[in-house]
Amino acid sequence: MQYLLDTNICVFFLRGMLKLDEIIRGKGVANCFISELTVFEL
């Protein structure tokens, strides 16, 4: 299964409110993506 990370999830991670690095490792780095729009918003 593939995962598209939205802006809210990334902001929670950047603020230290979410251990996204552990979640991504668990799901597999190759299965997690960020859209160009999310990159722009960040």
PDB file of N, CA and C in Angstrom:
ATOM      1  N   MET A   1       0.847  -1.170   0.000  1.00  0.00           N
ATOM      2  CA  MET A   1       0.000   0.000   0.000  1.00  0.00           C
ATOM      3  C   MET A   1       0.898   1.242   0.000  1.00  0.00           C
ATOM      4  N   GLN A   2       0.485   2.272  -0.723  1.00  0.00           N
ATOM      5  CA  GLN A   2       1.240   3.516  -0.787  1.00  0.00           C
ATOM      6  C   GLN A   2       0.524   4.594   0.024  1.00  0.00           C
ATOM      7  N   TYR A   3       1.307   5.537   0.552  1.00  0.00           N
ATOM      8  CA  TYR A   3       0.773   6.583   1.420  1.00  0.00           C
ATOM      9  C   TYR A   3       1.187   7.952   0.891  1.00  0.00           C
ATOM     10  N   LEU A   4       0.228   8.859   0.799  1.00  0.00           N
ATOM     11  CA  LEU A   4       0.484  10.239   0.394  1.00  0.00           C
ATOM     12  C   LEU A   4       0.322  11.108   1.636  1.00  0.00           C
ATOM     13  N   LEU A   5       1.419  11.706   2.077  1.00  0.00           N
ATOM     14  CA  LEU A   5       1.414  12.509   3.302  1.00  0.00           C
ATOM     15  C   LEU A   5       0.920  13.915   2.983  1.00  0.00           C
ATOM     16  N   ASP A   6      -0.074  14.372   3.721  1.00  0.00           N
ATOM     17  CA  ASP A   6      -0.605  15.708   3.468  1.00  0.00           C
ATOM     18  C   ASP A   6       0.116  16.751   4.325  1.00  0.00           C
ATOM     19  N   THR A   7      -0.200  18.001   4.099  1.00  0.00           N
ATOM     20  CA  THR A   7       0.467  19.115   4.773  1.00  0.00           C
ATOM     21  C   THR A   7       0.296  19.043   6.282  1.00  0.00           C
ATOM     22  N   ASN A   8      -0.887  18.717   6.757  1.00  0.00           N
ATOM     23  CA  ASN A   8      -1.134  18.659   8.203  1.00  0.00           C
ATOM     24  C   ASN A   8      -0.225  17.644   8.889  1.00  0.00           C
ATOM     25  N   ILE A   9      -0.071  16.478   8.313  1.00  0.00           N
ATOM     26  CA  ILE A   9       0.789  15.448   8.888  1.00  0.00           C
ATOM     27  C   ILE A   9       2.226  15.937   8.949  1.00  0.00           C
ATOM     28  N   CYS A  10       2.694  16.566   7.874  1.00  0.00           N
ATOM     29  CA  CYS A  10       4.067  17.065   7.843  1.00  0.00           C
ATOM     30  C   CYS A  10       4.282  18.186   8.859  1.00  0.00           C
ATOM     31  N   VAL A  11       3.306  19.056   9.040  1.00  0.00           N
ATOM     32  CA  VAL A  11       3.413  20.140  10.017  1.00  0.00           C
ATOM     33  C   VAL A  11       3.453  19.568  11.434  1.00  0.00           C
ATOM     34  N   PHE A  12       2.618  18.571  11.727  1.00  0.00           N
ATOM     35  CA  PHE A  12       2.654  17.925  13.040  1.00  0.00           C
ATOM     36  C   PHE A  12       4.048  17.357  13.310  1.00  0.00           C
ATOM     37  N   PHE A  13       4.641  16.733  12.292  1.00  0.00           N
ATOM     38  CA  PHE A  13       5.987  16.173  12.432  1.00  0.00           C
ATOM     39  C   PHE A  13       7.005  17.276  12.690  1.00  0.00           C
ATOM     40  N   LEU A  14       6.952  18.355  11.921  1.00  0.00           N
ATOM     41  CA  LEU A  14       7.914  19.444  12.070  1.00  0.00           C
ATOM     42  C   LEU A  14       7.806  20.120  13.435  1.00  0.00           C
ATOM     43  N   ARG A  15       6.633  20.100  14.024  1.00  0.00           N
ATOM     44  CA  ARG A  15       6.424  20.686  15.354  1.00  0.00           C
ATOM     45  C   ARG A  15       6.722  19.703  16.481  1.00  0.00           C
ATOM     46  N   GLY A  16       7.124  18.493  16.136  1.00  0.00           N
ATOM     47  CA  GLY A  16       7.464  17.499  17.143  1.00  0.00           C
ATOM     48  C   GLY A  16       6.268  16.818  17.769  1.00  0.00           C
ATOM     49  N   MET A  17       5.126  16.914  17.128  1.00  0.00           N
ATOM     50  CA  MET A  17       3.900  16.350  17.680  1.00  0.00           C
ATOM     51  C   MET A  17       3.600  14.946  17.143  1.00  0.00           C
ATOM     52  N   LEU A  18       4.457  14.452  16.264  1.00  0.00           N
ATOM     53  CA  LEU A  18       4.200  13.157  15.636  1.00  0.00           C
ATOM     54  C   LEU A  18       5.539  12.504  15.328  1.00  0.00           C
ATOM     55  N   LYS A  19       5.657  11.229  15.614  1.00  0.00           N
ATOM     56  CA  LYS A  19       6.889  10.494  15.325  1.00  0.00           C
ATOM     57  C   LYS A  19       6.785   9.878  13.930  1.00  0.00           C
ATOM     58  N   LEU A  20       6.734  10.751  12.932  1.00  0.00           N
ATOM     59  CA  LEU A  20       6.534  10.336  11.548  1.00  0.00           C
ATOM     60  C   LEU A  20       7.677   9.478  11.044  1.00  0.00           C
ATOM     61  N   ASP A  21       8.901   9.751  11.490  1.00  0.00           N
ATOM     62  CA  ASP A  21      10.033   8.953  11.031  1.00  0.00           C
ATOM     63  C   ASP A  21       9.858   7.479  11.383  1.00  0.00           C
ATOM     64  N   GLU A  22       9.327   7.198  12.557  1.00  0.00           N
ATOM     65  CA  GLU A  22       9.079   5.807  12.954  1.00  0.00           C
ATOM     66  C   GLU A  22       7.963   5.185  12.127  1.00  0.00           C
ATOM     67  N   ILE A  23       6.930   5.967  11.858  1.00  0.00           N
ATOM     68  CA  ILE A  23       5.799   5.475  11.059  1.00  0.00           C
ATOM     69  C   ILE A  23       6.252   5.156   9.641  1.00  0.00           C
ATOM     70  N   ILE A  24       7.060   6.054   9.054  1.00  0.00           N
ATOM     71  CA  ILE A  24       7.544   5.840   7.685  1.00  0.00           C
ATOM     72  C   ILE A  24       8.437   4.605   7.618  1.00  0.00           C
ATOM     73  N   ARG A  25       9.306   4.435   8.609  1.00  0.00           N
ATOM     74  CA  ARG A  25      10.145   3.233   8.630  1.00  0.00           C
ATOM     75  C   ARG A  25       9.294   1.973   8.710  1.00  0.00           C
ATOM     76  N   GLY A  26       8.225   2.037   9.474  1.00  0.00           N
ATOM     77  CA  GLY A  26       7.337   0.882   9.613  1.00  0.00           C
ATOM     78  C   GLY A  26       6.583   0.560   8.333  1.00  0.00           C
ATOM     79  N   LYS A  27       6.194   1.593   7.606  1.00  0.00           N
ATOM     80  CA  LYS A  27       5.441   1.399   6.353  1.00  0.00           C
ATOM     81  C   LYS A  27       6.362   1.172   5.164  1.00  0.00           C
ATOM     82  N   GLY A  28       7.613   1.633   5.274  1.00  0.00           N
ATOM     83  CA  GLY A  28       8.578   1.520   4.183  1.00  0.00           C
ATOM     84  C   GLY A  28       8.730   2.851   3.463  1.00  0.00           C
ATOM     85  N   VAL A  29       9.955   3.330   3.398  1.00  0.00           N
ATOM     86  CA  VAL A  29      10.235   4.634   2.780  1.00  0.00           C
ATOM     87  C   VAL A  29       9.748   4.682   1.334  1.00  0.00           C
ATOM     88  N   ALA A  30       9.883   3.588   0.622  1.00  0.00           N
ATOM     89  CA  ALA A  30       9.483   3.544  -0.789  1.00  0.00           C
ATOM     90  C   ALA A  30       7.977   3.647  -0.978  1.00  0.00           C
ATOM     91  N   ASN A  31       7.210   3.506   0.098  1.00  0.00           N
ATOM     92  CA  ASN A  31       5.749   3.549   0.014  1.00  0.00           C
ATOM     93  C   ASN A  31       5.156   4.885   0.453  1.00  0.00           C
ATOM     94  N   CYS A  32       5.988   5.845   0.861  1.00  0.00           N
ATOM     95  CA  CYS A  32       5.506   7.125   1.380  1.00  0.00           C
ATOM     96  C   CYS A  32       5.893   8.259   0.435  1.00  0.00           C
ATOM     97  N   PHE A  33       4.930   9.116   0.152  1.00  0.00           N
ATOM     98  CA  PHE A  33       5.134  10.180  -0.822  1.00  0.00           C
ATOM     99  C   PHE A  33       4.597  11.508  -0.300  1.00  0.00           C
ATOM    100  N   ILE A  34       5.125  12.602  -0.845  1.00  0.00           N
ATOM    101  CA  ILE A  34       4.642  13.950  -0.562  1.00  0.00           C
ATOM    102  C   ILE A  34       4.380  14.609  -1.917  1.00  0.00           C
ATOM    103  N   SER A  35       3.213  15.206  -2.082  1.00  0.00           N
ATOM    104  CA  SER A  35       2.876  15.829  -3.354  1.00  0.00           C
ATOM    105  C   SER A  35       3.619  17.152  -3.528  1.00  0.00           C
ATOM    106  N   GLU A  36       3.697  17.619  -4.753  1.00  0.00           N
ATOM    107  CA  GLU A  36       4.333  18.906  -5.035  1.00  0.00           C
ATOM    108  C   GLU A  36       3.591  20.032  -4.331  1.00  0.00           C
ATOM    109  N   LEU A  37       2.295  19.929  -4.224  1.00  0.00           N
ATOM    110  CA  LEU A  37       1.495  20.944  -3.538  1.00  0.00           C
ATOM    111  C   LEU A  37       1.867  21.017  -2.053  1.00  0.00           C
ATOM    112  N   THR A  38       2.038  19.867  -1.439  1.00  0.00           N
ATOM    113  CA  THR A  38       2.446  19.837  -0.028  1.00  0.00           C
ATOM    114  C   THR A  38       3.817  20.475   0.147  1.00  0.00           C
ATOM    115  N   VAL A  39       4.746  20.168  -0.728  1.00  0.00           N
ATOM    116  CA  VAL A  39       6.081  20.779  -0.669  1.00  0.00           C
ATOM    117  C   VAL A  39       5.966  22.280  -0.782  1.00  0.00           C
ATOM    118  N   PHE A  40       5.152  22.764  -1.705  1.00  0.00           N
ATOM    119  CA  PHE A  40       4.945  24.202  -1.871  1.00  0.00           C
ATOM    120  C   PHE A  40       4.361  24.825  -0.618  1.00  0.00           C
ATOM    121  N   GLU A  41       3.361  24.168  -0.024  1.00  0.00           N
ATOM    122  CA  GLU A  41       2.718  24.714   1.174  1.00  0.00           C
ATOM    123  C   GLU A  41       3.663  24.767   2.362  1.00  0.00           C
ATOM    124  N   LEU A  42       4.551  23.792   2.447  1.00  0.00           N
ATOM    125  CA  LEU A  42       5.505  23.778   3.555  1.00  0.00           C
ATOM    126  C   LEU A  42       6.539  24.870   3.386  1.00  0.00           C
TER     127      LEU A  42
END
